[in-house]
Amino acid sequence: MDHAVEATGAYKFGDVGSPGHHAYNLPAIESLLPSRSGAVLDAGCGAGQVTSWLHGLGFEAWGTDPSESGIELASQNFKGPNYFVSDLIKAPPEQGPADGFDGIVSVEVVEHLFDPEAMLQNCHKALKPGGWIILTTPYHGYVKNLVLALTNKYDSHWMVDMPGGHIKFFSPKTITDMLERAGFADVTWKGAGRGPLMWCSMVVRARKA
């Protein structure tokens, strides 16, 4: 069966049998989880790999994505979690626990959005009081940016030829500022992938204030 199905919006899902290129983020996400129970939403779940991983950790896992083909793949291949189509830039999720989610995980999503702050605001609304969010996004800091410039890697790094590629680029400061504007507090983060100062991604946790 060919799982390389093009998603609505012009990005493609690869092999749905594993977290794929997200795998290096999972140990850092797991280390920042404040608990191993409760209802957790995978925001921008794609084909459901991370949602299934959260279900395996013991959470009541929900996955949502604006892509109907992604949700169809997730529902077919990863039984257990609850999946539904929604666009979190436009509105909070219409499905989920009546009193809100205990936590939200969003892996490599915000850098693809024209309005990531709107998505974070709607995530904030979807959480219980004191609920938490963990998101990942590519890391950008002074040393990494300097190395990219000196090695002439910026053209490939900007992904200008890739449909659905990255359109927002965050540093620890900018992602912290955006989370705080969206109503979150107690922001902390760690790097994932590669070594210090050249991390592939930031894994960021915050609490609903």
N, C-alpha and C. Protein backbone atom coordinates (compact mmCIF):
# COMPACT_ATOMS: atom_id res chain seq x y z
N MET A 1 0.84 -1.20 0.00
CA MET A 1 0.00 0.00 0.00
C MET A 1 0.87 1.25 0.00
N ASP A 2 0.57 2.20 -0.84
CA ASP A 2 1.36 3.42 -0.93
C ASP A 2 0.79 4.46 0.01
N HIS A 3 1.59 4.83 1.03
CA HIS A 3 1.12 5.80 2.02
C HIS A 3 1.58 7.22 1.71
N ALA A 4 2.27 7.42 0.59
CA ALA A 4 2.74 8.77 0.25
C ALA A 4 1.59 9.54 -0.39
N VAL A 5 0.64 9.91 0.43
CA VAL A 5 -0.57 10.58 -0.03
C VAL A 5 -0.41 12.08 0.13
N GLU A 6 -0.72 12.83 -0.91
CA GLU A 6 -0.61 14.28 -0.82
C GLU A 6 -1.74 14.84 0.03
N ALA A 7 -1.39 15.70 0.94
CA ALA A 7 -2.36 16.28 1.86
C ALA A 7 -2.93 17.56 1.28
N THR A 8 -4.12 17.92 1.71
CA THR A 8 -4.69 19.21 1.37
C THR A 8 -3.74 20.30 1.85
N GLY A 9 -3.38 21.22 0.97
CA GLY A 9 -2.47 22.28 1.36
C GLY A 9 -1.09 22.10 0.79
N ALA A 10 -0.81 20.97 0.15
CA ALA A 10 0.39 20.78 -0.67
C ALA A 10 1.58 20.18 0.04
N TYR A 11 1.43 19.59 1.22
CA TYR A 11 2.54 18.84 1.76
C TYR A 11 2.19 17.36 1.70
N LYS A 12 3.21 16.51 1.83
CA LYS A 12 2.98 15.08 1.63
C LYS A 12 3.28 14.31 2.90
N PHE A 13 2.48 13.28 3.15
CA PHE A 13 2.73 12.37 4.24
C PHE A 13 3.59 11.22 3.73
N GLY A 14 4.62 10.88 4.48
CA GLY A 14 5.45 9.75 4.11
C GLY A 14 4.93 8.46 4.72
N ASP A 15 5.83 7.56 5.06
CA ASP A 15 5.47 6.28 5.62
C ASP A 15 4.74 6.49 6.94
N VAL A 16 3.49 6.04 7.03
CA VAL A 16 2.73 6.26 8.26
C VAL A 16 3.08 5.24 9.33
N GLY A 17 4.02 4.36 9.08
CA GLY A 17 4.34 3.34 10.06
C GLY A 17 5.23 3.80 11.19
N SER A 18 5.77 5.02 11.13
CA SER A 18 6.68 5.49 12.17
C SER A 18 6.63 7.01 12.21
N PRO A 19 7.15 7.63 13.30
CA PRO A 19 7.18 9.10 13.35
C PRO A 19 8.11 9.73 12.33
N GLY A 20 8.93 8.92 11.65
CA GLY A 20 9.77 9.43 10.58
C GLY A 20 10.71 10.52 11.06
N HIS A 21 10.73 11.66 10.34
CA HIS A 21 11.69 12.70 10.67
C HIS A 21 11.35 13.43 11.96
N HIS A 22 10.20 13.12 12.57
CA HIS A 22 9.87 13.69 13.87
C HIS A 22 10.49 12.90 15.03
N ALA A 23 11.07 11.75 14.76
CA ALA A 23 11.47 10.84 15.83
C ALA A 23 12.47 11.46 16.79
N TYR A 24 13.36 12.32 16.29
CA TYR A 24 14.38 12.89 17.17
C TYR A 24 13.78 13.83 18.21
N ASN A 25 12.56 14.30 17.98
CA ASN A 25 11.91 15.17 18.96
C ASN A 25 11.27 14.40 20.12
N LEU A 26 10.96 13.14 19.91
CA LEU A 26 10.14 12.43 20.89
C LEU A 26 10.80 12.30 22.27
N PRO A 27 12.10 11.97 22.38
CA PRO A 27 12.69 11.90 23.72
C PRO A 27 12.60 13.22 24.47
N ALA A 28 12.81 14.35 23.77
CA ALA A 28 12.72 15.65 24.43
C ALA A 28 11.28 15.96 24.83
N ILE A 29 10.33 15.63 23.96
CA ILE A 29 8.92 15.82 24.33
C ILE A 29 8.59 15.00 25.57
N GLU A 30 9.00 13.74 25.57
CA GLU A 30 8.69 12.87 26.70
C GLU A 30 9.29 13.40 28.00
N SER A 31 10.49 13.96 27.92
CA SER A 31 11.14 14.48 29.13
C SER A 31 10.44 15.71 29.69
N LEU A 32 9.67 16.42 28.85
CA LEU A 32 8.98 17.63 29.29
C LEU A 32 7.52 17.40 29.66
N LEU A 33 7.03 16.18 29.44
CA LEU A 33 5.63 15.90 29.79
C LEU A 33 5.42 16.05 31.29
N PRO A 34 4.44 16.84 31.72
CA PRO A 34 4.19 16.99 33.16
C PRO A 34 3.45 15.82 33.77
N SER A 35 2.87 14.95 32.94
CA SER A 35 2.16 13.77 33.45
C SER A 35 2.08 12.75 32.33
N ARG A 36 1.53 11.58 32.63
CA ARG A 36 1.31 10.53 31.64
C ARG A 36 -0.16 10.15 31.59
N SER A 37 -1.04 11.09 31.93
CA SER A 37 -2.47 10.79 31.93
C SER A 37 -3.24 12.01 31.49
N GLY A 38 -4.51 11.81 31.19
CA GLY A 38 -5.37 12.90 30.79
C GLY A 38 -5.59 12.91 29.29
N ALA A 39 -6.39 13.87 28.84
CA ALA A 39 -6.72 14.02 27.43
C ALA A 39 -5.74 14.98 26.77
N VAL A 40 -5.09 14.51 25.72
CA VAL A 40 -4.06 15.30 25.02
C VAL A 40 -4.41 15.38 23.55
N LEU A 41 -4.33 16.59 22.99
CA LEU A 41 -4.59 16.84 21.58
C LEU A 41 -3.28 16.96 20.83
N ASP A 42 -3.15 16.21 19.74
CA ASP A 42 -2.05 16.37 18.81
C ASP A 42 -2.51 17.36 17.75
N ALA A 43 -2.06 18.60 17.84
CA ALA A 43 -2.52 19.68 16.97
C ALA A 43 -1.69 19.73 15.71
N GLY A 44 -2.33 19.44 14.56
CA GLY A 44 -1.61 19.30 13.31
C GLY A 44 -1.02 17.91 13.21
N CYS A 45 -1.88 16.90 13.41
CA CYS A 45 -1.42 15.52 13.60
C CYS A 45 -0.99 14.84 12.32
N GLY A 46 -1.31 15.43 11.14
CA GLY A 46 -0.92 14.77 9.91
C GLY A 46 -1.53 13.39 9.82
N ALA A 47 -0.70 12.39 9.56
CA ALA A 47 -1.17 11.02 9.40
C ALA A 47 -1.23 10.24 10.71
N GLY A 48 -1.02 10.91 11.85
CA GLY A 48 -1.31 10.30 13.14
C GLY A 48 -0.18 9.60 13.85
N GLN A 49 1.05 9.71 13.36
CA GLN A 49 2.14 8.98 14.01
C GLN A 49 2.37 9.41 15.45
N VAL A 50 2.44 10.73 15.67
CA VAL A 50 2.70 11.22 17.03
C VAL A 50 1.48 11.00 17.92
N THR A 51 0.27 11.11 17.36
CA THR A 51 -0.95 10.84 18.13
C THR A 51 -0.93 9.41 18.65
N SER A 52 -0.53 8.48 17.79
CA SER A 52 -0.46 7.08 18.20
C SER A 52 0.60 6.88 19.29
N TRP A 53 1.72 7.58 19.16
CA TRP A 53 2.78 7.51 20.18
C TRP A 53 2.26 8.01 21.52
N LEU A 54 1.52 9.11 21.52
CA LEU A 54 0.94 9.63 22.77
C LEU A 54 -0.04 8.64 23.37
N HIS A 55 -0.85 8.00 22.52
CA HIS A 55 -1.78 6.97 22.99
C HIS A 55 -1.01 5.84 23.66
N GLY A 56 0.11 5.46 23.08
CA GLY A 56 0.92 4.39 23.65
C GLY A 56 1.54 4.74 24.99
N LEU A 57 1.73 6.03 25.25
CA LEU A 57 2.25 6.47 26.55
C LEU A 57 1.19 6.43 27.65
N GLY A 58 -0.07 6.28 27.26
CA GLY A 58 -1.14 6.19 28.25
C GLY A 58 -2.14 7.32 28.24
N PHE A 59 -1.97 8.27 27.33
CA PHE A 59 -2.90 9.39 27.26
C PHE A 59 -4.20 9.00 26.54
N GLU A 60 -5.27 9.73 26.85
CA GLU A 60 -6.45 9.72 26.00
C GLU A 60 -6.11 10.66 24.84
N ALA A 61 -5.70 10.09 23.72
CA ALA A 61 -5.10 10.88 22.65
C ALA A 61 -6.13 11.25 21.59
N TRP A 62 -6.10 12.51 21.20
CA TRP A 62 -6.91 13.04 20.12
C TRP A 62 -5.97 13.65 19.09
N GLY A 63 -6.32 13.52 17.82
CA GLY A 63 -5.53 14.13 16.76
C GLY A 63 -6.40 14.93 15.83
N THR A 64 -5.94 16.13 15.48
CA THR A 64 -6.71 16.96 14.54
C THR A 64 -5.77 17.58 13.52
N ASP A 65 -6.31 17.77 12.31
CA ASP A 65 -5.54 18.34 11.21
C ASP A 65 -6.53 18.90 10.20
N PRO A 66 -6.17 19.96 9.47
CA PRO A 66 -7.07 20.46 8.43
C PRO A 66 -7.12 19.57 7.20
N SER A 67 -6.20 18.61 7.11
CA SER A 67 -6.14 17.73 5.95
C SER A 67 -7.06 16.51 6.12
N GLU A 68 -8.05 16.40 5.25
CA GLU A 68 -8.94 15.24 5.30
C GLU A 68 -8.19 13.95 4.97
N SER A 69 -7.23 14.03 4.03
CA SER A 69 -6.49 12.81 3.67
C SER A 69 -5.59 12.36 4.81
N GLY A 70 -5.02 13.32 5.55
CA GLY A 70 -4.21 12.95 6.70
C GLY A 70 -5.03 12.26 7.77
N ILE A 71 -6.21 12.81 8.09
CA ILE A 71 -7.07 12.21 9.10
C ILE A 71 -7.57 10.84 8.64
N GLU A 72 -7.82 10.69 7.35
CA GLU A 72 -8.24 9.38 6.83
C GLU A 72 -7.13 8.34 7.03
N LEU A 73 -5.89 8.73 6.73
CA LEU A 73 -4.77 7.82 6.95
C LEU A 73 -4.60 7.48 8.42
N ALA A 74 -4.68 8.48 9.28
CA ALA A 74 -4.54 8.25 10.71
C ALA A 74 -5.60 7.27 11.21
N SER A 75 -6.84 7.48 10.80
CA SER A 75 -7.94 6.62 11.26
C SER A 75 -7.78 5.19 10.77
N GLN A 76 -7.22 5.03 9.57
CA GLN A 76 -7.04 3.70 9.00
C GLN A 76 -5.89 2.94 9.65
N ASN A 77 -4.82 3.64 10.00
CA ASN A 77 -3.57 2.98 10.37
C ASN A 77 -3.25 3.00 11.86
N PHE A 78 -3.86 3.87 12.62
CA PHE A 78 -3.55 3.95 14.05
C PHE A 78 -4.84 3.94 14.85
N LYS A 79 -5.25 2.76 15.26
CA LYS A 79 -6.48 2.61 16.02
C LYS A 79 -6.24 2.98 17.48
N GLY A 80 -7.26 3.52 18.10
CA GLY A 80 -7.17 3.88 19.52
C GLY A 80 -7.43 5.34 19.76
N PRO A 81 -6.62 6.23 19.17
CA PRO A 81 -6.90 7.67 19.34
C PRO A 81 -8.17 8.10 18.61
N ASN A 82 -8.63 9.30 18.95
CA ASN A 82 -9.77 9.92 18.28
C ASN A 82 -9.24 10.95 17.29
N TYR A 83 -9.72 10.93 16.06
CA TYR A 83 -9.24 11.84 15.03
C TYR A 83 -10.40 12.66 14.47
N PHE A 84 -10.13 13.93 14.14
CA PHE A 84 -11.14 14.75 13.51
C PHE A 84 -10.48 15.88 12.72
N VAL A 85 -11.18 16.37 11.72
CA VAL A 85 -10.69 17.45 10.86
C VAL A 85 -11.05 18.79 11.47
N SER A 86 -10.08 19.68 11.60
CA SER A 86 -10.35 21.06 12.02
C SER A 86 -9.16 21.93 11.67
N ASP A 87 -9.40 23.22 11.56
CA ASP A 87 -8.36 24.20 11.27
C ASP A 87 -8.21 25.10 12.49
N LEU A 88 -7.15 24.89 13.26
CA LEU A 88 -6.98 25.61 14.52
C LEU A 88 -6.57 27.06 14.32
N ILE A 89 -6.25 27.45 13.09
CA ILE A 89 -6.04 28.87 12.85
C ILE A 89 -7.37 29.62 12.89
N LYS A 90 -8.43 28.96 12.47
CA LYS A 90 -9.73 29.61 12.36
C LYS A 90 -10.54 29.56 13.64
N ALA A 91 -10.42 28.48 14.42
CA ALA A 91 -11.29 28.32 15.60
C ALA A 91 -10.74 27.23 16.50
N PRO A 92 -11.10 27.26 17.79
CA PRO A 92 -10.74 26.14 18.67
C PRO A 92 -11.39 24.86 18.18
N PRO A 93 -10.87 23.71 18.57
CA PRO A 93 -11.46 22.44 18.13
C PRO A 93 -12.89 22.28 18.64
N GLU A 94 -13.76 21.75 17.78
CA GLU A 94 -15.15 21.53 18.16
C GLU A 94 -15.35 20.20 18.84
N GLN A 95 -14.38 19.31 18.76
CA GLN A 95 -14.47 18.01 19.41
C GLN A 95 -13.45 17.93 20.53
N GLY A 96 -13.67 16.97 21.42
CA GLY A 96 -12.78 16.78 22.55
C GLY A 96 -13.56 16.73 23.85
N PRO A 97 -12.87 16.60 24.98
CA PRO A 97 -13.55 16.55 26.28
C PRO A 97 -14.34 17.83 26.53
N ALA A 98 -15.47 17.70 27.17
CA ALA A 98 -16.35 18.85 27.41
C ALA A 98 -15.67 19.94 28.23
N ASP A 99 -14.79 19.55 29.15
CA ASP A 99 -14.13 20.53 30.01
C ASP A 99 -12.76 20.95 29.50
N GLY A 100 -12.40 20.53 28.28
CA GLY A 100 -11.14 20.93 27.70
C GLY A 100 -10.06 19.86 27.81
N PHE A 101 -8.97 20.10 27.11
CA PHE A 101 -7.85 19.17 27.10
C PHE A 101 -6.90 19.46 28.26
N ASP A 102 -6.28 18.40 28.77
CA ASP A 102 -5.23 18.56 29.79
C ASP A 102 -3.94 19.08 29.17
N GLY A 103 -3.68 18.68 27.93
CA GLY A 103 -2.46 19.11 27.27
C GLY A 103 -2.61 19.09 25.77
N ILE A 104 -1.70 19.79 25.11
CA ILE A 104 -1.64 19.82 23.65
C ILE A 104 -0.19 19.62 23.23
N VAL A 105 0.00 18.79 22.23
CA VAL A 105 1.31 18.59 21.61
C VAL A 105 1.19 18.98 20.15
N SER A 106 2.16 19.72 19.65
CA SER A 106 2.16 20.14 18.25
C SER A 106 3.58 20.04 17.72
N VAL A 107 3.81 19.11 16.80
CA VAL A 107 5.16 18.77 16.36
C VAL A 107 5.42 19.31 14.96
N GLU A 108 6.36 20.27 14.86
CA GLU A 108 6.80 20.82 13.58
C GLU A 108 5.62 21.33 12.75
N VAL A 109 4.80 22.18 13.37
CA VAL A 109 3.61 22.73 12.71
C VAL A 109 3.69 24.24 12.54
N VAL A 110 4.04 24.97 13.61
CA VAL A 110 3.89 26.43 13.59
C VAL A 110 4.72 27.11 12.51
N GLU A 111 5.83 26.49 12.11
CA GLU A 111 6.66 27.12 11.08
C GLU A 111 6.03 27.06 9.69
N HIS A 112 4.97 26.28 9.53
CA HIS A 112 4.29 26.16 8.24
C HIS A 112 3.09 27.10 8.12
N LEU A 113 2.79 27.87 9.16
CA LEU A 113 1.53 28.63 9.21
C LEU A 113 1.75 30.11 8.95
N PHE A 114 0.81 30.72 8.21
CA PHE A 114 0.86 32.17 8.02
C PHE A 114 0.53 32.91 9.30
N ASP A 115 -0.31 32.32 10.15
CA ASP A 115 -0.72 32.98 11.39
C ASP A 115 -0.60 32.01 12.56
N PRO A 116 0.63 31.67 12.96
CA PRO A 116 0.79 30.72 14.06
C PRO A 116 0.25 31.23 15.39
N GLU A 117 0.23 32.55 15.58
CA GLU A 117 -0.28 33.08 16.85
C GLU A 117 -1.77 32.80 17.00
N ALA A 118 -2.53 32.86 15.90
CA ALA A 118 -3.96 32.53 15.96
C ALA A 118 -4.14 31.07 16.37
N MET A 119 -3.30 30.20 15.85
CA MET A 119 -3.37 28.79 16.23
C MET A 119 -3.09 28.60 17.72
N LEU A 120 -2.08 29.31 18.23
CA LEU A 120 -1.75 29.20 19.66
C LEU A 120 -2.86 29.77 20.54
N GLN A 121 -3.49 30.83 20.10
CA GLN A 121 -4.62 31.38 20.86
C GLN A 121 -5.76 30.38 20.94
N ASN A 122 -6.04 29.68 19.86
CA ASN A 122 -7.11 28.69 19.86
C ASN A 122 -6.72 27.45 20.66
N CYS A 123 -5.44 27.11 20.68
CA CYS A 123 -4.97 26.04 21.56
C CYS A 123 -5.18 26.44 23.03
N HIS A 124 -4.88 27.70 23.33
CA HIS A 124 -5.08 28.20 24.70
C HIS A 124 -6.53 28.04 25.12
N LYS A 125 -7.47 28.38 24.23
CA LYS A 125 -8.89 28.26 24.53
C LYS A 125 -9.32 26.80 24.73
N ALA A 126 -8.63 25.88 24.07
CA ALA A 126 -9.00 24.47 24.13
C ALA A 126 -8.52 23.76 25.38
N LEU A 127 -7.64 24.40 26.16
CA LEU A 127 -7.06 23.78 27.34
C LEU A 127 -7.87 24.05 28.60
N LYS A 128 -7.82 23.11 29.53
CA LYS A 128 -8.33 23.35 30.87
C LYS A 128 -7.48 24.44 31.56
N PRO A 129 -8.00 25.09 32.58
CA PRO A 129 -7.16 26.00 33.37
C PRO A 129 -5.92 25.27 33.88
N GLY A 130 -4.77 25.86 33.69
CA GLY A 130 -3.52 25.23 34.11
C GLY A 130 -3.02 24.17 33.15
N GLY A 131 -3.72 23.96 32.02
CA GLY A 131 -3.28 22.98 31.05
C GLY A 131 -1.95 23.38 30.42
N TRP A 132 -1.34 22.45 29.72
CA TRP A 132 0.00 22.67 29.18
C TRP A 132 0.03 22.45 27.67
N ILE A 133 1.03 23.04 27.04
CA ILE A 133 1.29 22.83 25.62
C ILE A 133 2.77 22.52 25.44
N ILE A 134 3.06 21.58 24.57
CA ILE A 134 4.43 21.30 24.15
C ILE A 134 4.44 21.37 22.63
N LEU A 135 5.28 22.23 22.08
CA LEU A 135 5.40 22.32 20.63
C LEU A 135 6.86 22.23 20.23
N THR A 136 7.08 21.79 19.01
CA THR A 136 8.43 21.78 18.46
C THR A 136 8.45 22.58 17.18
N THR A 137 9.58 23.19 16.92
CA THR A 137 9.79 23.97 15.70
C THR A 137 11.29 24.06 15.46
N PRO A 138 11.75 24.19 14.22
CA PRO A 138 13.18 24.28 13.98
C PRO A 138 13.85 25.39 14.80
N TYR A 139 15.01 25.07 15.33
CA TYR A 139 15.76 26.00 16.17
C TYR A 139 16.55 26.98 15.30
N HIS A 140 16.53 28.24 15.70
CA HIS A 140 17.37 29.26 15.08
C HIS A 140 17.99 30.11 16.18
N GLY A 141 19.29 30.09 16.24
CA GLY A 141 20.04 30.91 17.17
C GLY A 141 21.25 31.50 16.47
N TYR A 142 21.98 32.36 17.14
CA TYR A 142 23.07 33.11 16.52
C TYR A 142 24.10 32.19 15.87
N VAL A 143 24.58 31.19 16.61
CA VAL A 143 25.65 30.33 16.09
C VAL A 143 25.16 29.55 14.88
N LYS A 144 23.97 28.95 14.98
CA LYS A 144 23.45 28.18 13.85
C LYS A 144 23.24 29.07 12.63
N ASN A 145 22.67 30.25 12.85
CA ASN A 145 22.46 31.17 11.73
C ASN A 145 23.78 31.57 11.08
N LEU A 146 24.80 31.79 11.90
CA LEU A 146 26.11 32.16 11.38
C LEU A 146 26.71 31.03 10.55
N VAL A 147 26.60 29.81 11.06
CA VAL A 147 27.12 28.65 10.32
C VAL A 147 26.39 28.47 8.99
N LEU A 148 25.08 28.64 9.00
CA LEU A 148 24.32 28.54 7.75
C LEU A 148 24.79 29.58 6.73
N ALA A 149 25.05 30.80 7.22
CA ALA A 149 25.51 31.85 6.31
C ALA A 149 26.91 31.56 5.78
N LEU A 150 27.82 31.15 6.67
CA LEU A 150 29.20 30.92 6.26
C LEU A 150 29.35 29.73 5.33
N THR A 151 28.47 28.76 5.44
CA THR A 151 28.54 27.57 4.59
C THR A 151 27.60 27.65 3.39
N ASN A 152 27.01 28.81 3.17
CA ASN A 152 26.12 29.04 2.02
C ASN A 152 24.97 28.03 1.98
N LYS A 153 24.37 27.77 3.15
CA LYS A 153 23.29 26.81 3.24
C LYS A 153 21.90 27.47 3.31
N TYR A 154 21.87 28.79 3.27
CA TYR A 154 20.58 29.45 3.47
C TYR A 154 19.59 29.16 2.34
N ASP A 155 20.06 29.04 1.10
CA ASP A 155 19.13 28.78 0.01
C ASP A 155 18.34 27.49 0.24
N SER A 156 19.06 26.44 0.61
CA SER A 156 18.36 25.17 0.86
C SER A 156 17.58 25.22 2.16
N HIS A 157 18.08 25.95 3.15
CA HIS A 157 17.42 26.02 4.45
C HIS A 157 16.06 26.70 4.36
N TRP A 158 15.93 27.71 3.50
CA TRP A 158 14.66 28.43 3.39
C TRP A 158 13.58 27.61 2.68
N MET A 159 13.95 26.52 2.01
CA MET A 159 12.98 25.59 1.41
C MET A 159 12.05 26.29 0.43
N VAL A 160 12.55 27.23 -0.34
CA VAL A 160 11.68 28.03 -1.20
C VAL A 160 11.06 27.21 -2.34
N ASP A 161 11.68 26.10 -2.70
CA ASP A 161 11.16 25.28 -3.80
C ASP A 161 10.22 24.18 -3.33
N MET A 162 9.98 24.07 -2.02
CA MET A 162 9.17 22.99 -1.49
C MET A 162 7.75 23.47 -1.21
N PRO A 163 6.75 22.93 -1.91
CA PRO A 163 5.36 23.28 -1.57
C PRO A 163 5.05 22.91 -0.13
N GLY A 164 4.45 23.85 0.59
CA GLY A 164 4.14 23.58 1.99
C GLY A 164 5.33 23.66 2.92
N GLY A 165 6.42 24.27 2.46
CA GLY A 165 7.63 24.35 3.29
C GLY A 165 7.51 25.37 4.41
N HIS A 166 8.65 25.64 5.05
CA HIS A 166 8.67 26.54 6.21
C HIS A 166 8.51 27.99 5.77
N ILE A 167 7.65 28.72 6.47
CA ILE A 167 7.46 30.14 6.16
C ILE A 167 7.70 31.04 7.38
N LYS A 168 7.85 30.43 8.56
CA LYS A 168 8.18 31.18 9.78
C LYS A 168 9.42 30.54 10.40
N PHE A 169 10.30 31.37 10.95
CA PHE A 169 11.55 30.89 11.52
C PHE A 169 11.71 31.49 12.91
N PHE A 170 11.80 30.62 13.92
CA PHE A 170 11.74 31.07 15.31
C PHE A 170 13.08 30.90 16.02
N SER A 171 13.35 31.84 16.91
CA SER A 171 14.40 31.71 17.92
C SER A 171 13.72 31.42 19.25
N PRO A 172 14.47 31.03 20.28
CA PRO A 172 13.84 30.85 21.58
C PRO A 172 13.08 32.09 22.05
N LYS A 173 13.61 33.27 21.78
CA LYS A 173 12.94 34.50 22.21
C LYS A 173 11.62 34.71 21.47
N THR A 174 11.63 34.54 20.15
CA THR A 174 10.42 34.84 19.40
C THR A 174 9.31 33.85 19.68
N ILE A 175 9.64 32.56 19.88
CA ILE A 175 8.58 31.60 20.19
C ILE A 175 8.06 31.83 21.61
N THR A 176 8.94 32.24 22.52
CA THR A 176 8.50 32.57 23.88
C THR A 176 7.57 33.77 23.87
N ASP A 177 7.95 34.83 23.14
CA ASP A 177 7.11 36.03 23.06
C ASP A 177 5.74 35.70 22.49
N MET A 178 5.69 34.86 21.45
CA MET A 178 4.41 34.53 20.83
C MET A 178 3.53 33.72 21.78
N LEU A 179 4.12 32.77 22.48
CA LEU A 179 3.35 31.99 23.44
C LEU A 179 2.79 32.88 24.55
N GLU A 180 3.58 33.81 25.03
CA GLU A 180 3.11 34.70 26.09
C GLU A 180 2.00 35.62 25.59
N ARG A 181 2.10 36.11 24.37
CA ARG A 181 1.02 36.92 23.82
C ARG A 181 -0.26 36.11 23.66
N ALA A 182 -0.13 34.82 23.43
CA ALA A 182 -1.30 33.94 23.29
C ALA A 182 -1.90 33.52 24.62
N GLY A 183 -1.28 33.95 25.73
CA GLY A 183 -1.84 33.67 27.05
C GLY A 183 -1.13 32.61 27.85
N PHE A 184 0.05 32.18 27.40
CA PHE A 184 0.79 31.14 28.11
C PHE A 184 1.87 31.75 29.00
N ALA A 185 2.30 30.96 29.97
CA ALA A 185 3.33 31.39 30.92
C ALA A 185 4.26 30.22 31.21
N ASP A 186 5.30 30.49 32.01
CA ASP A 186 6.26 29.45 32.43
C ASP A 186 6.86 28.72 31.24
N VAL A 187 7.32 29.47 30.26
CA VAL A 187 7.86 28.87 29.04
C VAL A 187 9.27 28.34 29.32
N THR A 188 9.51 27.11 28.92
CA THR A 188 10.84 26.51 29.01
C THR A 188 11.08 25.71 27.73
N TRP A 189 12.34 25.47 27.41
CA TRP A 189 12.62 24.75 26.17
C TRP A 189 13.93 24.00 26.28
N LYS A 190 14.10 23.03 25.37
CA LYS A 190 15.37 22.34 25.22
C LYS A 190 15.58 22.02 23.74
N GLY A 191 16.83 21.79 23.36
CA GLY A 191 17.14 21.47 21.99
C GLY A 191 16.99 19.98 21.71
N ALA A 192 16.75 19.66 20.44
CA ALA A 192 16.63 18.27 20.01
C ALA A 192 17.30 18.10 18.66
N GLY A 193 17.99 16.99 18.49
CA GLY A 193 18.69 16.73 17.24
C GLY A 193 20.00 17.49 17.16
N ARG A 194 21.03 16.86 16.63
CA ARG A 194 22.38 17.42 16.57
C ARG A 194 22.89 17.77 17.97
N GLY A 195 23.88 18.68 18.02
CA GLY A 195 24.49 19.05 19.28
C GLY A 195 24.10 20.44 19.71
N PRO A 196 24.59 20.88 20.88
CA PRO A 196 24.28 22.21 21.41
C PRO A 196 24.59 23.31 20.41
N LEU A 197 23.68 24.29 20.34
CA LEU A 197 23.77 25.49 19.51
C LEU A 197 23.56 25.23 18.02
N MET A 198 23.52 23.94 17.64
CA MET A 198 23.21 23.57 16.25
C MET A 198 21.99 22.65 16.20
N TRP A 199 21.17 22.70 17.24
CA TRP A 199 20.03 21.81 17.32
C TRP A 199 19.16 21.88 16.06
N CYS A 200 18.56 20.74 15.72
CA CYS A 200 17.58 20.75 14.63
C CYS A 200 16.32 21.51 15.06
N SER A 201 15.84 21.22 16.26
CA SER A 201 14.56 21.79 16.71
C SER A 201 14.64 22.26 18.15
N MET A 202 13.69 23.12 18.51
CA MET A 202 13.41 23.46 19.89
C MET A 202 12.16 22.70 20.32
N VAL A 203 12.18 22.16 21.50
CA VAL A 203 10.99 21.56 22.10
C VAL A 203 10.59 22.45 23.27
N VAL A 204 9.43 23.08 23.15
CA VAL A 204 9.04 24.18 24.04
C VAL A 204 7.81 23.78 24.82
N ARG A 205 7.84 24.01 26.13
CA ARG A 205 6.67 23.73 26.97
C ARG A 205 6.22 25.03 27.65
N ALA A 206 4.90 25.19 27.76
CA ALA A 206 4.34 26.35 28.44
C ALA A 206 3.03 25.94 29.11
N ARG A 207 2.56 26.79 30.03
CA ARG A 207 1.34 26.51 30.79
C ARG A 207 0.30 27.58 30.51
N LYS A 208 -0.95 27.17 30.45
CA LYS A 208 -2.03 28.13 30.30
C LYS A 208 -2.12 29.00 31.53
N ALA A 209 -1.93 30.29 31.34
CA ALA A 209 -1.90 31.21 32.49
C ALA A 209 -3.32 31.48 32.96
